[in-house]
Amino acid sequence: MRKFGLTLVAALAFSASVLANGVNDSTAVAKWDGSINKAKLNKYLKLSSGQDEKVADICDYFQEQMKMANRSTKDADQKVRNAVYGNLKLMKETLDEKQYADYVRLMALTLQNKGIHIEK
């Protein structure tokens, strides 16, 4: 757990936000639709050709789940949490250990930048 906490701290210090597509005003955070720049993610994680297609499918699925969560009027926070954890689970199955650690850092940074707080 401590290692994960340190990873999150490192993610905060990490200045490049590969997954973020825009900048949100801190006073009015818009709901993130879960869109991920797959080309930049592919380049950053150095995905193999087999991983590239799987990761693209996972990103598309995540975006659909986030859109559904944002449209929801009931338990929207829980649905966002489920979408994020589902995405991480699928990515863990697809990526190697180093790629997954890099992806988790980027996801944590992106969620923070978008004003989304995921708590258990």
PDB file of N, CA and C in Angstrom:
ATOM      1  N   MET A   1       0.828  -1.175   0.000  1.00  0.00           N
ATOM      2  CA  MET A   1       0.000   0.000   0.000  1.00  0.00           C
ATOM      3  C   MET A   1       0.879   1.248   0.000  1.00  0.00           C
ATOM      4  N   ARG A   2       1.978   1.181   0.737  1.00  0.00           N
ATOM      5  CA  ARG A   2       2.880   2.325   0.803  1.00  0.00           C
ATOM      6  C   ARG A   2       3.509   2.574  -0.564  1.00  0.00           C
ATOM      7  N   LYS A   3       3.854   1.489  -1.272  1.00  0.00           N
ATOM      8  CA  LYS A   3       4.443   1.620  -2.593  1.00  0.00           C
ATOM      9  C   LYS A   3       3.459   2.296  -3.544  1.00  0.00           C
ATOM     10  N   PHE A   4       2.183   1.939  -3.430  1.00  0.00           N
ATOM     11  CA  PHE A   4       1.156   2.558  -4.266  1.00  0.00           C
ATOM     12  C   PHE A   4       1.032   4.045  -3.941  1.00  0.00           C
ATOM     13  N   GLY A   5       1.112   4.381  -2.657  1.00  0.00           N
ATOM     14  CA  GLY A   5       1.048   5.779  -2.244  1.00  0.00           C
ATOM     15  C   GLY A   5       2.212   6.578  -2.807  1.00  0.00           C
ATOM     16  N   LEU A   6       3.393   5.990  -2.781  1.00  0.00           N
ATOM     17  CA  LEU A   6       4.554   6.661  -3.346  1.00  0.00           C
ATOM     18  C   LEU A   6       4.417   6.823  -4.849  1.00  0.00           C
ATOM     19  N   THR A   7       3.794   5.833  -5.480  1.00  0.00           N
ATOM     20  CA  THR A   7       3.554   5.923  -6.915  1.00  0.00           C
ATOM     21  C   THR A   7       2.630   7.097  -7.214  1.00  0.00           C
ATOM     22  N   LEU A   8       1.602   7.262  -6.396  1.00  0.00           N
ATOM     23  CA  LEU A   8       0.686   8.379  -6.600  1.00  0.00           C
ATOM     24  C   LEU A   8       1.382   9.721  -6.393  1.00  0.00           C
ATOM     25  N   VAL A   9       2.251   9.795  -5.396  1.00  0.00           N
ATOM     26  CA  VAL A   9       3.001  11.027  -5.159  1.00  0.00           C
ATOM     27  C   VAL A   9       3.906  11.320  -6.349  1.00  0.00           C
ATOM     28  N   ALA A  10       4.542  10.286  -6.875  1.00  0.00           N
ATOM     29  CA  ALA A  10       5.393  10.474  -8.049  1.00  0.00           C
ATOM     30  C   ALA A  10       4.563  10.935  -9.241  1.00  0.00           C
ATOM     31  N   ALA A  11       3.351  10.425  -9.339  1.00  0.00           N
ATOM     32  CA  ALA A  11       2.475  10.826 -10.441  1.00  0.00           C
ATOM     33  C   ALA A  11       2.126  12.297 -10.358  1.00  0.00           C
ATOM     34  N   LEU A  12       1.967  12.788  -9.152  1.00  0.00           N
ATOM     35  CA  LEU A  12       1.658  14.202  -8.985  1.00  0.00           C
ATOM     36  C   LEU A  12       2.826  15.078  -9.428  1.00  0.00           C
ATOM     37  N   ALA A  13       4.020  14.586  -9.194  1.00  0.00           N
ATOM     38  CA  ALA A  13       5.203  15.337  -9.595  1.00  0.00           C
ATOM     39  C   ALA A  13       5.469  15.215 -11.096  1.00  0.00           C
ATOM     40  N   PHE A  14       4.936  14.196 -11.687  1.00  0.00           N
ATOM     41  CA  PHE A  14       5.135  13.951 -13.108  1.00  0.00           C
ATOM     42  C   PHE A  14       4.398  15.023 -13.905  1.00  0.00           C
ATOM     43  N   SER A  15       5.083  15.805 -14.684  1.00  0.00           N
ATOM     44  CA  SER A  15       4.485  16.994 -15.284  1.00  0.00           C
ATOM     45  C   SER A  15       3.723  16.735 -16.580  1.00  0.00           C
ATOM     46  N   ALA A  16       4.062  15.705 -17.315  1.00  0.00           N
ATOM     47  CA  ALA A  16       3.391  15.457 -18.588  1.00  0.00           C
ATOM     48  C   ALA A  16       2.124  14.655 -18.363  1.00  0.00           C
ATOM     49  N   SER A  17       1.051  15.111 -18.910  1.00  0.00           N
ATOM     50  CA  SER A  17      -0.223  14.409 -18.780  1.00  0.00           C
ATOM     51  C   SER A  17      -0.617  13.867 -20.148  1.00  0.00           C
ATOM     52  N   VAL A  18      -0.172  12.658 -20.424  1.00  0.00           N
ATOM     53  CA  VAL A  18      -0.411  12.047 -21.725  1.00  0.00           C
ATOM     54  C   VAL A  18      -1.895  11.807 -21.958  1.00  0.00           C
ATOM     55  N   LEU A  19      -2.608  11.443 -20.924  1.00  0.00           N
ATOM     56  CA  LEU A  19      -4.009  11.093 -21.102  1.00  0.00           C
ATOM     57  C   LEU A  19      -4.943  12.294 -21.159  1.00  0.00           C
ATOM     58  N   ALA A  20      -4.520  13.411 -20.622  1.00  0.00           N
ATOM     59  CA  ALA A  20      -5.412  14.570 -20.567  1.00  0.00           C
ATOM     60  C   ALA A  20      -5.536  15.196 -21.947  1.00  0.00           C
ATOM     61  N   ASN A  21      -6.743  15.470 -22.352  1.00  0.00           N
ATOM     62  CA  ASN A  21      -6.976  16.103 -23.643  1.00  0.00           C
ATOM     63  C   ASN A  21      -7.222  17.591 -23.523  1.00  0.00           C
ATOM     64  N   GLY A  22      -7.499  18.073 -22.339  1.00  0.00           N
ATOM     65  CA  GLY A  22      -7.772  19.486 -22.159  1.00  0.00           C
ATOM     66  C   GLY A  22      -7.434  19.898 -20.748  1.00  0.00           C
ATOM     67  N   VAL A  23      -7.549  21.195 -20.492  1.00  0.00           N
ATOM     68  CA  VAL A  23      -7.278  21.729 -19.162  1.00  0.00           C
ATOM     69  C   VAL A  23      -8.590  22.212 -18.590  1.00  0.00           C
ATOM     70  N   ASN A  24      -8.865  21.826 -17.358  1.00  0.00           N
ATOM     71  CA  ASN A  24     -10.089  22.243 -16.701  1.00  0.00           C
ATOM     72  C   ASN A  24      -9.826  23.416 -15.784  1.00  0.00           C
ATOM     73  N   ASP A  25     -10.787  24.322 -15.720  1.00  0.00           N
ATOM     74  CA  ASP A  25     -10.737  25.421 -14.766  1.00  0.00           C
ATOM     75  C   ASP A  25     -10.994  24.837 -13.387  1.00  0.00           C
ATOM     76  N   SER A  26     -10.215  25.213 -12.392  1.00  0.00           N
ATOM     77  CA  SER A  26     -10.346  24.611 -11.064  1.00  0.00           C
ATOM     78  C   SER A  26     -11.666  24.978 -10.394  1.00  0.00           C
ATOM     79  N   THR A  27     -12.317  26.048 -10.827  1.00  0.00           N
ATOM     80  CA  THR A  27     -13.581  26.430 -10.208  1.00  0.00           C
ATOM     81  C   THR A  27     -14.769  25.689 -10.793  1.00  0.00           C
ATOM     82  N   ALA A  28     -14.656  25.253 -12.021  1.00  0.00           N
ATOM     83  CA  ALA A  28     -15.771  24.544 -12.659  1.00  0.00           C
ATOM     84  C   ALA A  28     -15.226  23.338 -13.412  1.00  0.00           C
ATOM     85  N   VAL A  29     -15.168  22.208 -12.745  1.00  0.00           N
ATOM     86  CA  VAL A  29     -14.626  21.001 -13.348  1.00  0.00           C
ATOM     87  C   VAL A  29     -15.710  20.313 -14.149  1.00  0.00           C
ATOM     88  N   ALA A  30     -15.468  20.144 -15.426  1.00  0.00           N
ATOM     89  CA  ALA A  30     -16.419  19.449 -16.277  1.00  0.00           C
ATOM     90  C   ALA A  30     -16.238  17.952 -16.095  1.00  0.00           C
ATOM     91  N   LYS A  31     -17.299  17.216 -16.330  1.00  0.00           N
ATOM     92  CA  LYS A  31     -17.201  15.768 -16.217  1.00  0.00           C
ATOM     93  C   LYS A  31     -16.344  15.240 -17.359  1.00  0.00           C
ATOM     94  N   TRP A  32     -15.394  14.386 -17.013  1.00  0.00           N
ATOM     95  CA  TRP A  32     -14.500  13.797 -18.008  1.00  0.00           C
ATOM     96  C   TRP A  32     -15.216  12.639 -18.658  1.00  0.00           C
ATOM     97  N   ASP A  33     -15.197  12.589 -19.979  1.00  0.00           N
ATOM     98  CA  ASP A  33     -15.893  11.518 -20.697  1.00  0.00           C
ATOM     99  C   ASP A  33     -15.036  10.268 -20.848  1.00  0.00           C
ATOM    100  N   GLY A  34     -13.831  10.297 -20.328  1.00  0.00           N
ATOM    101  CA  GLY A  34     -12.978   9.114 -20.371  1.00  0.00           C
ATOM    102  C   GLY A  34     -12.180   8.978 -21.653  1.00  0.00           C
ATOM    103  N   SER A  35     -12.162  10.013 -22.476  1.00  0.00           N
ATOM    104  CA  SER A  35     -11.410   9.920 -23.726  1.00  0.00           C
ATOM    105  C   SER A  35      -9.913   9.894 -23.432  1.00  0.00           C
ATOM    106  N   ILE A  36      -9.235   9.023 -24.144  1.00  0.00           N
ATOM    107  CA  ILE A  36      -7.800   8.837 -23.968  1.00  0.00           C
ATOM    108  C   ILE A  36      -7.145   8.920 -25.342  1.00  0.00           C
ATOM    109  N   ASN A  37      -6.076   9.676 -25.440  1.00  0.00           N
ATOM    110  CA  ASN A  37      -5.335   9.773 -26.688  1.00  0.00           C
ATOM    111  C   ASN A  37      -4.529   8.480 -26.847  1.00  0.00           C
ATOM    112  N   LYS A  38      -5.066   7.575 -27.649  1.00  0.00           N
ATOM    113  CA  LYS A  38      -4.470   6.236 -27.780  1.00  0.00           C
ATOM    114  C   LYS A  38      -3.109   6.260 -28.468  1.00  0.00           C
ATOM    115  N   ALA A  39      -2.918   7.174 -29.398  1.00  0.00           N
ATOM    116  CA  ALA A  39      -1.638   7.253 -30.099  1.00  0.00           C
ATOM    117  C   ALA A  39      -0.522   7.645 -29.133  1.00  0.00           C
ATOM    118  N   LYS A  40      -0.786   8.656 -28.291  1.00  0.00           N
ATOM    119  CA  LYS A  40       0.226   9.081 -27.316  1.00  0.00           C
ATOM    120  C   LYS A  40       0.449   8.008 -26.254  1.00  0.00           C
ATOM    121  N   LEU A  41      -0.628   7.354 -25.848  1.00  0.00           N
ATOM    122  CA  LEU A  41      -0.500   6.289 -24.859  1.00  0.00           C
ATOM    123  C   LEU A  41       0.335   5.144 -25.426  1.00  0.00           C
ATOM    124  N   ASN A  42       0.093   4.782 -26.664  1.00  0.00           N
ATOM    125  CA  ASN A  42       0.843   3.729 -27.341  1.00  0.00           C
ATOM    126  C   ASN A  42       2.326   4.072 -27.377  1.00  0.00           C
ATOM    127  N   LYS A  43       2.623   5.308 -27.734  1.00  0.00           N
ATOM    128  CA  LYS A  43       4.023   5.736 -27.824  1.00  0.00           C
ATOM    129  C   LYS A  43       4.678   5.762 -26.444  1.00  0.00           C
ATOM    130  N   TYR A  44       3.964   6.281 -25.436  1.00  0.00           N
ATOM    131  CA  TYR A  44       4.537   6.385 -24.095  1.00  0.00           C
ATOM    132  C   TYR A  44       4.792   5.016 -23.469  1.00  0.00           C
ATOM    133  N   LEU A  45       3.831   4.102 -23.628  1.00  0.00           N
ATOM    134  CA  LEU A  45       3.970   2.781 -23.016  1.00  0.00           C
ATOM    135  C   LEU A  45       4.785   1.814 -23.874  1.00  0.00           C
ATOM    136  N   LYS A  46       5.103   2.223 -25.102  1.00  0.00           N
ATOM    137  CA  LYS A  46       5.859   1.369 -26.036  1.00  0.00           C
ATOM    138  C   LYS A  46       5.171   0.011 -26.186  1.00  0.00           C
ATOM    139  N   LEU A  47       3.912   0.072 -26.617  1.00  0.00           N
ATOM    140  CA  LEU A  47       3.103  -1.141 -26.747  1.00  0.00           C
ATOM    141  C   LEU A  47       3.539  -1.968 -27.943  1.00  0.00           C
ATOM    142  N   SER A  48       3.429  -3.281 -27.804  1.00  0.00           N
ATOM    143  CA  SER A  48       3.664  -4.178 -28.929  1.00  0.00           C
ATOM    144  C   SER A  48       2.435  -4.133 -29.826  1.00  0.00           C
ATOM    145  N   SER A  49       2.544  -4.699 -31.009  1.00  0.00           N
ATOM    146  CA  SER A  49       1.406  -4.663 -31.938  1.00  0.00           C
ATOM    147  C   SER A  49       0.199  -5.412 -31.373  1.00  0.00           C
ATOM    148  N   GLY A  50       0.442  -6.489 -30.643  1.00  0.00           N
ATOM    149  CA  GLY A  50      -0.652  -7.234 -30.030  1.00  0.00           C
ATOM    150  C   GLY A  50      -1.312  -6.452 -28.905  1.00  0.00           C
ATOM    151  N   GLN A  51      -0.517  -5.731 -28.139  1.00  0.00           N
ATOM    152  CA  GLN A  51      -1.045  -4.936 -27.044  1.00  0.00           C
ATOM    153  C   GLN A  51      -1.808  -3.716 -27.554  1.00  0.00           C
ATOM    154  N   ASP A  52      -1.352  -3.168 -28.668  1.00  0.00           N
ATOM    155  CA  ASP A  52      -1.941  -1.942 -29.198  1.00  0.00           C
ATOM    156  C   ASP A  52      -3.444  -2.086 -29.426  1.00  0.00           C
ATOM    157  N   GLU A  53      -3.858  -3.141 -30.059  1.00  0.00           N
ATOM    158  CA  GLU A  53      -5.276  -3.349 -30.350  1.00  0.00           C
ATOM    159  C   GLU A  53      -6.077  -3.593 -29.074  1.00  0.00           C
ATOM    160  N   LYS A  54      -5.522  -4.381 -28.167  1.00  0.00           N
ATOM    161  CA  LYS A  54      -6.217  -4.662 -26.911  1.00  0.00           C
ATOM    162  C   LYS A  54      -6.384  -3.388 -26.082  1.00  0.00           C
ATOM    163  N   VAL A  55      -5.334  -2.588 -26.006  1.00  0.00           N
ATOM    164  CA  VAL A  55      -5.390  -1.344 -25.239  1.00  0.00           C
ATOM    165  C   VAL A  55      -6.391  -0.378 -25.869  1.00  0.00           C
ATOM    166  N   ALA A  56      -6.433  -0.315 -27.188  1.00  0.00           N
ATOM    167  CA  ALA A  56      -7.398   0.554 -27.866  1.00  0.00           C
ATOM    168  C   ALA A  56      -8.829   0.127 -27.529  1.00  0.00           C
ATOM    169  N   ASP A  57      -9.079  -1.175 -27.514  1.00  0.00           N
ATOM    170  CA  ASP A  57     -10.410  -1.677 -27.163  1.00  0.00           C
ATOM    171  C   ASP A  57     -10.756  -1.352 -25.712  1.00  0.00           C
ATOM    172  N   ILE A  58      -9.799  -1.496 -24.818  1.00  0.00           N
ATOM    173  CA  ILE A  58     -10.016  -1.188 -23.400  1.00  0.00           C
ATOM    174  C   ILE A  58     -10.309   0.303 -23.235  1.00  0.00           C
ATOM    175  N   CYS A  59      -9.588   1.153 -23.941  1.00  0.00           N
ATOM    176  CA  CYS A  59      -9.812   2.597 -23.860  1.00  0.00           C
ATOM    177  C   CYS A  59     -11.212   2.966 -24.370  1.00  0.00           C
ATOM    178  N   ASP A  60     -11.632   2.334 -25.470  1.00  0.00           N
ATOM    179  CA  ASP A  60     -12.972   2.592 -26.000  1.00  0.00           C
ATOM    180  C   ASP A  60     -14.046   2.154 -25.007  1.00  0.00           C
ATOM    181  N   TYR A  61     -13.845   0.988 -24.414  1.00  0.00           N
ATOM    182  CA  TYR A  61     -14.797   0.481 -23.423  1.00  0.00           C
ATOM    183  C   TYR A  61     -14.856   1.401 -22.208  1.00  0.00           C
ATOM    184  N   PHE A  62     -13.693   1.867 -21.759  1.00  0.00           N
ATOM    185  CA  PHE A  62     -13.634   2.787 -20.626  1.00  0.00           C
ATOM    186  C   PHE A  62     -14.384   4.081 -20.934  1.00  0.00           C
ATOM    187  N   GLN A  63     -14.208   4.593 -22.135  1.00  0.00           N
ATOM    188  CA  GLN A  63     -14.895   5.823 -22.511  1.00  0.00           C
ATOM    189  C   GLN A  63     -16.414   5.626 -22.490  1.00  0.00           C
ATOM    190  N   GLU A  64     -16.888   4.488 -22.975  1.00  0.00           N
ATOM    191  CA  GLU A  64     -18.323   4.195 -22.932  1.00  0.00           C
ATOM    192  C   GLU A  64     -18.823   4.138 -21.489  1.00  0.00           C
ATOM    193  N   GLN A  65     -18.061   3.485 -20.610  1.00  0.00           N
ATOM    194  CA  GLN A  65     -18.447   3.365 -19.209  1.00  0.00           C
ATOM    195  C   GLN A  65     -18.476   4.730 -18.518  1.00  0.00           C
ATOM    196  N   MET A  66     -17.511   5.580 -18.820  1.00  0.00           N
ATOM    197  CA  MET A  66     -17.475   6.916 -18.219  1.00  0.00           C
ATOM    198  C   MET A  66     -18.636   7.771 -18.707  1.00  0.00           C
ATOM    199  N   LYS A  67     -18.976   7.672 -19.982  1.00  0.00           N
ATOM    200  CA  LYS A  67     -20.118   8.429 -20.505  1.00  0.00           C
ATOM    201  C   LYS A  67     -21.404   7.985 -19.827  1.00  0.00           C
ATOM    202  N   MET A  68     -21.566   6.684 -19.643  1.00  0.00           N
ATOM    203  CA  MET A  68     -22.760   6.170 -18.968  1.00  0.00           C
ATOM    204  C   MET A  68     -22.794   6.648 -17.516  1.00  0.00           C
ATOM    205  N   ALA A  69     -21.651   6.639 -16.849  1.00  0.00           N
ATOM    206  CA  ALA A  69     -21.584   7.086 -15.454  1.00  0.00           C
ATOM    207  C   ALA A  69     -21.927   8.568 -15.348  1.00  0.00           C
ATOM    208  N   ASN A  70     -21.454   9.366 -16.285  1.00  0.00           N
ATOM    209  CA  ASN A  70     -21.718  10.807 -16.255  1.00  0.00           C
ATOM    210  C   ASN A  70     -23.179  11.129 -16.547  1.00  0.00           C
ATOM    211  N   ARG A  71     -23.839  10.291 -17.340  1.00  0.00           N
ATOM    212  CA  ARG A  71     -25.255  10.506 -17.640  1.00  0.00           C
ATOM    213  C   ARG A  71     -26.155  10.031 -16.512  1.00  0.00           C
ATOM    214  N   SER A  72     -25.622   9.206 -15.662  1.00  0.00           N
ATOM    215  CA  SER A  72     -26.405   8.626 -14.577  1.00  0.00           C
ATOM    216  C   SER A  72     -26.766   9.682 -13.540  1.00  0.00           C
ATOM    217  N   THR A  73     -27.992   9.586 -13.053  1.00  0.00           N
ATOM    218  CA  THR A  73     -28.415  10.499 -11.997  1.00  0.00           C
ATOM    219  C   THR A  73     -28.338   9.839 -10.632  1.00  0.00           C
ATOM    220  N   LYS A  74     -28.231   8.533 -10.618  1.00  0.00           N
ATOM    221  CA  LYS A  74     -28.186   7.783  -9.367  1.00  0.00           C
ATOM    222  C   LYS A  74     -26.862   7.023  -9.284  1.00  0.00           C
ATOM    223  N   ASP A  75     -26.158   7.172  -8.180  1.00  0.00           N
ATOM    224  CA  ASP A  75     -24.892   6.475  -7.927  1.00  0.00           C
ATOM    225  C   ASP A  75     -23.829   6.757  -8.995  1.00  0.00           C
ATOM    226  N   ALA A  76     -23.758   7.992  -9.471  1.00  0.00           N
ATOM    227  CA  ALA A  76     -22.788   8.345 -10.507  1.00  0.00           C
ATOM    228  C   ALA A  76     -21.354   8.145 -10.012  1.00  0.00           C
ATOM    229  N   ASP A  77     -21.083   8.523  -8.768  1.00  0.00           N
ATOM    230  CA  ASP A  77     -19.720   8.368  -8.233  1.00  0.00           C
ATOM    231  C   ASP A  77     -19.306   6.904  -8.187  1.00  0.00           C
ATOM    232  N   GLN A  78     -20.220   6.047  -7.793  1.00  0.00           N
ATOM    233  CA  GLN A  78     -19.930   4.609  -7.741  1.00  0.00           C
ATOM    234  C   GLN A  78     -19.670   4.064  -9.149  1.00  0.00           C
ATOM    235  N   LYS A  79     -20.423   4.536 -10.123  1.00  0.00           N
ATOM    236  CA  LYS A  79     -20.243   4.076 -11.503  1.00  0.00           C
ATOM    237  C   LYS A  79     -18.916   4.550 -12.078  1.00  0.00           C
ATOM    238  N   VAL A  80     -18.511   5.764 -11.741  1.00  0.00           N
ATOM    239  CA  VAL A  80     -17.201   6.258 -12.174  1.00  0.00           C
ATOM    240  C   VAL A  80     -16.104   5.413 -11.532  1.00  0.00           C
ATOM    241  N   ARG A  81     -16.233   5.146 -10.246  1.00  0.00           N
ATOM    242  CA  ARG A  81     -15.264   4.314  -9.525  1.00  0.00           C
ATOM    243  C   ARG A  81     -15.168   2.925 -10.170  1.00  0.00           C
ATOM    244  N   ASN A  82     -16.320   2.332 -10.474  1.00  0.00           N
ATOM    245  CA  ASN A  82     -16.331   1.007 -11.111  1.00  0.00           C
ATOM    246  C   ASN A  82     -15.678   1.052 -12.487  1.00  0.00           C
ATOM    247  N   ALA A  83     -15.922   2.131 -13.247  1.00  0.00           N
ATOM    248  CA  ALA A  83     -15.313   2.266 -14.569  1.00  0.00           C
ATOM    249  C   ALA A  83     -13.790   2.352 -14.462  1.00  0.00           C
ATOM    250  N   VAL A  84     -13.307   3.141 -13.510  1.00  0.00           N
ATOM    251  CA  VAL A  84     -11.858   3.309 -13.338  1.00  0.00           C
ATOM    252  C   VAL A  84     -11.209   1.998 -12.906  1.00  0.00           C
ATOM    253  N   TYR A  85     -11.777   1.359 -11.886  1.00  0.00           N
ATOM    254  CA  TYR A  85     -11.182   0.107 -11.405  1.00  0.00           C
ATOM    255  C   TYR A  85     -11.300  -1.008 -12.450  1.00  0.00           C
ATOM    256  N   GLY A  86     -12.386  -1.007 -13.206  1.00  0.00           N
ATOM    257  CA  GLY A  86     -12.521  -1.980 -14.294  1.00  0.00           C
ATOM    258  C   GLY A  86     -11.460  -1.764 -15.352  1.00  0.00           C
ATOM    259  N   ASN A  87     -11.203  -0.491 -15.679  1.00  0.00           N
ATOM    260  CA  ASN A  87     -10.167  -0.159 -16.647  1.00  0.00           C
ATOM    261  C   ASN A  87      -8.800  -0.617 -16.168  1.00  0.00           C
ATOM    262  N   LEU A  88      -8.501  -0.353 -14.903  1.00  0.00           N
ATOM    263  CA  LEU A  88      -7.201  -0.757 -14.358  1.00  0.00           C
ATOM    264  C   LEU A  88      -7.045  -2.272 -14.355  1.00  0.00           C
ATOM    265  N   LYS A  89      -8.121  -2.981 -14.052  1.00  0.00           N
ATOM    266  CA  LYS A  89      -8.060  -4.442 -14.045  1.00  0.00           C
ATOM    267  C   LYS A  89      -7.771  -4.982 -15.448  1.00  0.00           C
ATOM    268  N   LEU A  90      -8.458  -4.448 -16.448  1.00  0.00           N
ATOM    269  CA  LEU A  90      -8.233  -4.901 -17.825  1.00  0.00           C
ATOM    270  C   LEU A  90      -6.829  -4.552 -18.301  1.00  0.00           C
ATOM    271  N   MET A  91      -6.348  -3.373 -17.923  1.00  0.00           N
ATOM    272  CA  MET A  91      -4.999  -2.972 -18.322  1.00  0.00           C
ATOM    273  C   MET A  91      -3.943  -3.846 -17.655  1.00  0.00           C
ATOM    274  N   LYS A  92      -4.190  -4.219 -16.406  1.00  0.00           N
ATOM    275  CA  LYS A  92      -3.217  -5.062 -15.702  1.00  0.00           C
ATOM    276  C   LYS A  92      -3.066  -6.410 -16.395  1.00  0.00           C
ATOM    277  N   GLU A  93      -4.159  -6.918 -16.948  1.00  0.00           N
ATOM    278  CA  GLU A  93      -4.119  -8.194 -17.665  1.00  0.00           C
ATOM    279  C   GLU A  93      -3.399  -8.072 -19.010  1.00  0.00           C
ATOM    280  N   THR A  94      -3.361  -6.865 -19.571  1.00  0.00           N
ATOM    281  CA  THR A  94      -2.828  -6.660 -20.916  1.00  0.00           C
ATOM    282  C   THR A  94      -1.378  -6.177 -20.919  1.00  0.00           C
ATOM    283  N   LEU A  95      -1.013  -5.335 -19.960  1.00  0.00           N
ATOM    284  CA  LEU A  95       0.305  -4.710 -19.946  1.00  0.00           C
ATOM    285  C   LEU A  95       1.282  -5.498 -19.084  1.00  0.00           C
ATOM    286  N   ASP A  96       2.572  -5.299 -19.357  1.00  0.00           N
ATOM    287  CA  ASP A  96       3.559  -5.904 -18.464  1.00  0.00           C
ATOM    288  C   ASP A  96       3.682  -5.018 -17.216  1.00  0.00           C
ATOM    289  N   GLU A  97       4.492  -5.438 -16.269  1.00  0.00           N
ATOM    290  CA  GLU A  97       4.560  -4.772 -14.964  1.00  0.00           C
ATOM    291  C   GLU A  97       4.989  -3.307 -15.061  1.00  0.00           C
ATOM    292  N   LYS A  98       6.024  -3.013 -15.845  1.00  0.00           N
ATOM    293  CA  LYS A  98       6.501  -1.636 -15.981  1.00  0.00           C
ATOM    294  C   LYS A  98       5.482  -0.769 -16.704  1.00  0.00           C
ATOM    295  N   GLN A  99       4.909  -1.288 -17.775  1.00  0.00           N
ATOM    296  CA  GLN A  99       3.889  -0.535 -18.512  1.00  0.00           C
ATOM    297  C   GLN A  99       2.694  -0.234 -17.614  1.00  0.00           C
ATOM    298  N   TYR A 100       2.292  -1.215 -16.827  1.00  0.00           N
ATOM    299  CA  TYR A 100       1.144  -1.024 -15.945  1.00  0.00           C
ATOM    300  C   TYR A 100       1.437   0.036 -14.876  1.00  0.00           C
ATOM    301  N   ALA A 101       2.632   0.010 -14.317  1.00  0.00           N
ATOM    302  CA  ALA A 101       3.000   1.014 -13.310  1.00  0.00           C
ATOM    303  C   ALA A 101       2.964   2.418 -13.924  1.00  0.00           C
ATOM    304  N   ASP A 102       3.472   2.551 -15.140  1.00  0.00           N
ATOM    305  CA  ASP A 102       3.429   3.841 -15.835  1.00  0.00           C
ATOM    306  C   ASP A 102       1.984   4.257 -16.110  1.00  0.00           C
ATOM    307  N   TYR A 103       1.165   3.307 -16.503  1.00  0.00           N
ATOM    308  CA  TYR A 103      -0.241   3.605 -16.802  1.00  0.00           C
ATOM    309  C   TYR A 103      -0.986   4.055 -15.535  1.00  0.00           C
ATOM    310  N   VAL A 104      -0.733   3.393 -14.428  1.00  0.00           N
ATOM    311  CA  VAL A 104      -1.392   3.769 -13.170  1.00  0.00           C
ATOM    312  C   VAL A 104      -1.014   5.197 -12.779  1.00  0.00           C
ATOM    313  N   ARG A 105       0.256   5.550 -12.935  1.00  0.00           N
ATOM    314  CA  ARG A 105       0.686   6.917 -12.633  1.00  0.00           C
ATOM    315  C   ARG A 105      -0.036   7.928 -13.518  1.00  0.00           C
ATOM    316  N   LEU A 106      -0.123   7.621 -14.803  1.00  0.00           N
ATOM    317  CA  LEU A 106      -0.803   8.535 -15.722  1.00  0.00           C
ATOM    318  C   LEU A 106      -2.292   8.649 -15.408  1.00  0.00           C
ATOM    319  N   MET A 107      -2.916   7.534 -15.077  1.00  0.00           N
ATOM    320  CA  MET A 107      -4.344   7.555 -14.759  1.00  0.00           C
ATOM    321  C   MET A 107      -4.587   8.360 -13.485  1.00  0.00           C
ATOM    322  N   ALA A 108      -3.739   8.175 -12.478  1.00  0.00           N
ATOM    323  CA  ALA A 108      -3.893   8.916 -11.226  1.00  0.00           C
ATOM    324  C   ALA A 108      -3.747  10.416 -11.467  1.00  0.00           C
ATOM    325  N   LEU A 109      -2.781  10.800 -12.261  1.00  0.00           N
ATOM    326  CA  LEU A 109      -2.561  12.204 -12.581  1.00  0.00           C
ATOM    327  C   LEU A 109      -3.739  12.776 -13.364  1.00  0.00           C
ATOM    328  N   THR A 110      -4.214  12.034 -14.325  1.00  0.00           N
ATOM    329  CA  THR A 110      -5.340  12.486 -15.139  1.00  0.00           C
ATOM    330  C   THR A 110      -6.592  12.649 -14.292  1.00  0.00           C
ATOM    331  N   LEU A 111      -6.863  11.683 -13.445  1.00  0.00           N
ATOM    332  CA  LEU A 111      -8.050  11.778 -12.582  1.00  0.00           C
ATOM    333  C   LEU A 111      -7.961  13.007 -11.681  1.00  0.00           C
ATOM    334  N   GLN A 112      -6.781  13.250 -11.146  1.00  0.00           N
ATOM    335  CA  GLN A 112      -6.604  14.422 -10.290  1.00  0.00           C
ATOM    336  C   GLN A 112      -6.811  15.704 -11.099  1.00  0.00           C
ATOM    337  N   ASN A 113      -6.234  15.761 -12.288  1.00  0.00           N
ATOM    338  CA  ASN A 113      -6.381  16.941 -13.134  1.00  0.00           C
ATOM    339  C   ASN A 113      -7.832  17.190 -13.519  1.00  0.00           C
ATOM    340  N   LYS A 114      -8.596  16.125 -13.651  1.00  0.00           N
ATOM    341  CA  LYS A 114     -10.005  16.243 -14.022  1.00  0.00           C
ATOM    342  C   LYS A 114     -10.912  16.450 -12.815  1.00  0.00           C
ATOM    343  N   GLY A 115     -10.332  16.449 -11.627  1.00  0.00           N
ATOM    344  CA  GLY A 115     -11.122  16.675 -10.412  1.00  0.00           C
ATOM    345  C   GLY A 115     -11.926  15.485  -9.970  1.00  0.00           C
ATOM    346  N   ILE A 116     -11.484  14.296 -10.344  1.00  0.00           N
ATOM    347  CA  ILE A 116     -12.186  13.067  -9.969  1.00  0.00           C
ATOM    348  C   ILE A 116     -11.415  12.405  -8.838  1.00  0.00           C
ATOM    349  N   HIS A 117     -12.087  12.180  -7.732  1.00  0.00           N
ATOM    350  CA  HIS A 117     -11.460  11.562  -6.568  1.00  0.00           C
ATOM    351  C   HIS A 117     -12.045  10.185  -6.375  1.00  0.00           C
ATOM    352  N   ILE A 118     -11.217   9.180  -6.507  1.00  0.00           N
ATOM    353  CA  ILE A 118     -11.641   7.784  -6.370  1.00  0.00           C
ATOM    354  C   ILE A 118     -11.203   7.319  -4.988  1.00  0.00           C
ATOM    355  N   GLU A 119     -12.171   6.972  -4.177  1.00  0.00           N
ATOM    356  CA  GLU A 119     -11.881   6.458  -2.844  1.00  0.00           C
ATOM    357  C   GLU A 119     -12.594   5.134  -2.675  1.00  0.00           C
ATOM    358  N   LYS A 120     -12.008   4.257  -1.891  1.00  0.00           N
ATOM    359  CA  LYS A 120     -12.626   2.955  -1.641  1.00  0.00           C
ATOM    360  C   LYS A 120     -13.796   3.099  -0.721  1.00  0.00           C
TER     361      LYS A 120
END
